[in-house]
Protein backbone atom coordinates (compact mmCIF):
# COMPACT_ATOMS: atom_id res chain seq x y z
CA UNK A 1 15.51 -8.08 -44.81
CA UNK A 2 12.16 -6.92 -43.47
CA UNK A 3 9.07 -8.59 -44.87
CA UNK A 4 6.21 -6.38 -46.09
CA UNK A 5 3.49 -5.39 -43.61
CA UNK A 6 0.75 -7.01 -45.71
CA UNK A 7 2.32 -10.46 -45.43
CA UNK A 8 2.69 -10.28 -41.63
CA UNK A 9 -1.04 -10.36 -41.05
CA UNK A 10 -3.72 -8.21 -39.54
CA UNK A 11 -2.79 -8.96 -35.92
CA UNK A 12 0.68 -7.48 -36.32
CA UNK A 13 -0.80 -4.38 -37.92
CA UNK A 14 -3.29 -3.92 -35.07
CA UNK A 15 -0.51 -4.32 -32.48
CA UNK A 16 1.65 -1.71 -34.22
CA UNK A 17 -1.24 0.77 -34.27
CA UNK A 18 -2.03 0.18 -30.57
CA UNK A 19 1.61 0.66 -29.59
CA UNK A 20 1.85 3.88 -31.58
CA UNK A 21 -1.34 5.24 -30.00
CA UNK A 22 -0.27 4.39 -26.45
CA UNK A 23 3.12 6.05 -26.89
CA UNK A 24 1.63 9.20 -28.38
CA UNK A 25 -0.84 9.71 -25.49
CA UNK A 26 1.90 9.21 -22.88
CA UNK A 27 3.99 11.91 -24.53
CA UNK A 28 1.08 14.35 -24.49
CA UNK A 29 0.32 13.75 -20.80
CA UNK A 30 3.83 14.73 -19.65
CA UNK A 31 3.95 18.17 -21.29
CA UNK A 32 3.67 21.22 -19.01
CA UNK A 33 2.88 24.17 -21.28
CA UNK A 34 3.47 27.17 -19.02
CA UNK A 35 6.76 28.03 -17.36
CA UNK A 36 7.19 30.45 -14.49
CA UNK A 37 9.19 33.66 -14.76
CA UNK A 38 12.31 32.43 -12.92
CA UNK A 39 13.97 29.04 -12.48
CA UNK A 40 13.63 29.42 -8.67
CA UNK A 41 9.85 29.84 -8.97
CA UNK A 42 9.72 26.90 -11.39
CA UNK A 43 11.59 24.70 -8.89
CA UNK A 44 9.27 25.74 -6.04
CA UNK A 45 6.26 25.11 -8.28
CA UNK A 46 7.42 21.60 -9.14
CA UNK A 47 7.97 20.75 -5.46
CA UNK A 48 4.51 22.05 -4.54
CA UNK A 49 2.65 20.14 -7.25
CA UNK A 50 4.48 16.96 -6.21
CA UNK A 51 3.45 17.42 -2.55
CA UNK A 52 -0.19 18.39 -3.08
CA UNK A 53 -2.85 15.76 -3.83
CA UNK A 54 -5.50 16.05 -6.54
CA UNK A 55 -8.94 16.36 -4.87
CA UNK A 56 -10.59 14.35 -7.64
CA UNK A 57 -8.07 11.59 -8.28
CA UNK A 58 -7.41 11.03 -4.57
CA UNK A 59 -4.28 8.96 -5.08
CA UNK A 60 -2.32 11.17 -7.45
CA UNK A 61 -0.48 14.37 -6.87
CA UNK A 62 -1.20 17.48 -8.91
CA UNK A 63 1.81 16.84 -11.13
CA UNK A 64 0.57 13.41 -12.24
CA UNK A 65 -3.13 14.16 -12.55
CA UNK A 66 -4.84 15.06 -15.81
CA UNK A 67 -8.14 15.98 -14.12
CA UNK A 68 -9.54 19.43 -14.85
CA UNK A 69 -9.46 20.38 -11.18
CA UNK A 70 -5.75 19.47 -11.05
CA UNK A 71 -5.06 21.68 -14.07
CA UNK A 72 -6.94 24.52 -12.38
CA UNK A 73 -4.98 24.04 -9.17
CA UNK A 74 -1.66 24.00 -11.02
CA UNK A 75 -2.66 27.26 -12.72
CA UNK A 76 -3.68 28.71 -9.33
CA UNK A 77 -0.35 27.69 -7.77
CA UNK A 78 1.53 29.35 -10.66
CA UNK A 79 -0.49 32.53 -10.12
CA UNK A 80 0.12 32.55 -6.36
CA UNK A 81 3.86 32.00 -6.79
CA UNK A 82 4.10 34.78 -9.38
CA UNK A 83 2.28 37.08 -6.93
CA UNK A 84 4.99 36.45 -4.32
CA UNK A 85 3.31 33.92 -2.01
CA UNK A 86 5.64 31.67 0.00
CA UNK A 87 5.35 27.88 -0.22
CA UNK A 88 3.70 27.82 3.21
CA UNK A 89 1.16 30.45 2.16
CA UNK A 90 0.33 28.50 -1.00
CA UNK A 91 -0.11 25.30 1.04
CA UNK A 92 -2.26 27.12 3.61
CA UNK A 93 -4.40 28.55 0.79
CA UNK A 94 -4.97 25.05 -0.64
CA UNK A 95 -5.74 23.56 2.79
CA UNK A 96 -8.21 26.37 3.52
CA UNK A 97 -9.93 25.62 0.24
CA UNK A 98 -9.81 21.80 0.14
CA UNK A 99 -8.95 20.71 3.69
CA UNK A 100 -6.08 18.55 4.91
CA UNK A 101 -6.94 16.01 2.21
CA UNK A 102 -4.80 17.89 -0.35
CA UNK A 103 -1.69 17.22 1.75
CA UNK A 104 0.12 13.93 1.28
CA UNK A 105 1.51 14.41 4.79
CA UNK A 106 -1.37 15.78 6.86
CA UNK A 107 -0.51 17.38 10.22
CA UNK A 108 -0.85 15.40 13.43
CA UNK A 109 -4.18 16.56 14.82
CA UNK A 110 -7.06 14.95 16.68
CA UNK A 111 -8.96 14.25 13.44
CA UNK A 112 -5.87 12.67 11.78
CA UNK A 113 -4.65 10.69 14.80
CA UNK A 114 -6.01 7.38 13.49
CA UNK A 115 -4.33 8.02 10.14
CA UNK A 116 -0.95 8.39 11.83
CA UNK A 117 -1.31 5.61 14.44
CA UNK A 118 -3.06 2.89 12.39
CA UNK A 119 0.03 1.72 10.43
CA UNK A 120 2.03 1.25 13.64
CA UNK A 121 -0.80 -0.53 15.42
CA UNK A 122 -1.45 -2.90 12.51
CA UNK A 123 2.29 -3.50 12.12
CA UNK A 124 2.58 -4.41 15.81
CA UNK A 125 -0.42 -6.77 15.57
CA UNK A 126 1.11 -8.44 12.51
CA UNK A 127 4.49 -8.79 14.21
CA UNK A 128 2.85 -10.28 17.31
CA UNK A 129 0.91 -12.78 15.15
CA UNK A 130 4.13 -13.74 13.34
CA UNK A 131 5.95 -14.30 16.65
CA UNK A 132 3.09 -16.49 17.96
CA UNK A 133 3.05 -18.56 14.75
CA UNK A 134 6.83 -19.07 14.79
CA UNK A 135 6.86 -20.04 18.48
CA UNK A 136 4.00 -22.51 18.01
CA UNK A 137 5.69 -24.13 15.04
CA UNK A 138 8.95 -24.54 17.00
CA UNK A 139 7.28 -26.09 20.06
CA UNK A 140 4.97 -28.30 18.01
CA UNK A 141 1.81 -26.76 19.40
CA UNK A 142 -0.91 -26.29 16.82
CA UNK A 143 -4.49 -25.41 17.61
CA UNK A 144 -3.85 -25.85 21.35
CA UNK A 145 -3.12 -29.62 21.10
CA UNK A 146 0.09 -31.49 21.60
CA UNK A 147 1.17 -33.65 18.69
CA UNK A 148 1.33 -37.25 19.99
CA UNK A 149 2.78 -38.78 16.86
CA UNK A 150 -0.64 -39.78 15.54
CA UNK A 151 -1.25 -42.52 18.16
CA UNK A 152 -4.80 -42.85 19.47
CA UNK A 153 -5.57 -43.07 23.15
CA UNK A 154 -7.59 -46.04 24.43
CA UNK A 155 -10.70 -43.87 24.77
CA UNK A 156 -10.33 -42.65 21.18
CA UNK A 157 -9.91 -46.23 19.93
CA UNK A 158 -13.09 -47.35 21.73
CA UNK A 159 -15.04 -44.43 20.33
CA UNK A 160 -13.71 -45.26 16.86
CA UNK A 161 -14.80 -48.91 17.24
CA UNK A 162 -18.29 -47.77 18.24
CA UNK A 163 -18.55 -45.49 15.24
CA UNK A 164 -17.26 -48.04 12.76
CA UNK A 165 -19.02 -51.03 14.29
CA UNK A 166 -15.95 -52.98 15.49
CA UNK A 167 -14.75 -53.36 11.87
CA UNK A 168 -11.48 -51.56 12.35
CA UNK A 169 -8.10 -53.16 12.06
CA UNK A 170 -6.36 -53.44 15.41
CA UNK A 171 -3.15 -52.32 13.77
CA UNK A 172 -4.64 -48.82 13.31
CA UNK A 173 -3.51 -47.97 16.83
CA UNK A 174 0.02 -48.14 18.12
CA UNK A 175 2.00 -51.37 17.74
CA UNK A 176 2.14 -51.99 21.51
CA UNK A 177 -1.66 -52.39 21.82
CA UNK A 178 -2.00 -55.38 19.49
CA UNK A 179 -3.96 -58.39 20.92
């Protein structure tokens, strides 16, 4: 049997209210009020608003954005489709107005060359770095030095004695150098 809300405490009540508010705003955001005259136009409209980017939000398409400019653009796209514009004409209209930025897949042009080539270049650099790291770890080369098993050379032992004032244990070197 469910216990009364009053006995559960104020924190439970606050959590219930917050959950109810968050669910109600999500439901409102997904509602598209106006429908186009035919199902074909509606399908074309939905494809277009998925492929065009909101100029204000920058990382959302027109379908997902709640910005006023996105609502205006959706209304404009509906109007253009009802007037008989093709999908290409609608896209060209938006590009003429807002530039290539409204396209999620901008055309390959001189000004977008870096946008298209950068992922491949950075991927190749990352792959090359990974190959170098794997090869160094397999051959035992790290930082350009060969691993000698931790044994000191005679010159290193003398330098260490100078630094520590001849107070080092002779056993710090390899076992073969003991006096």
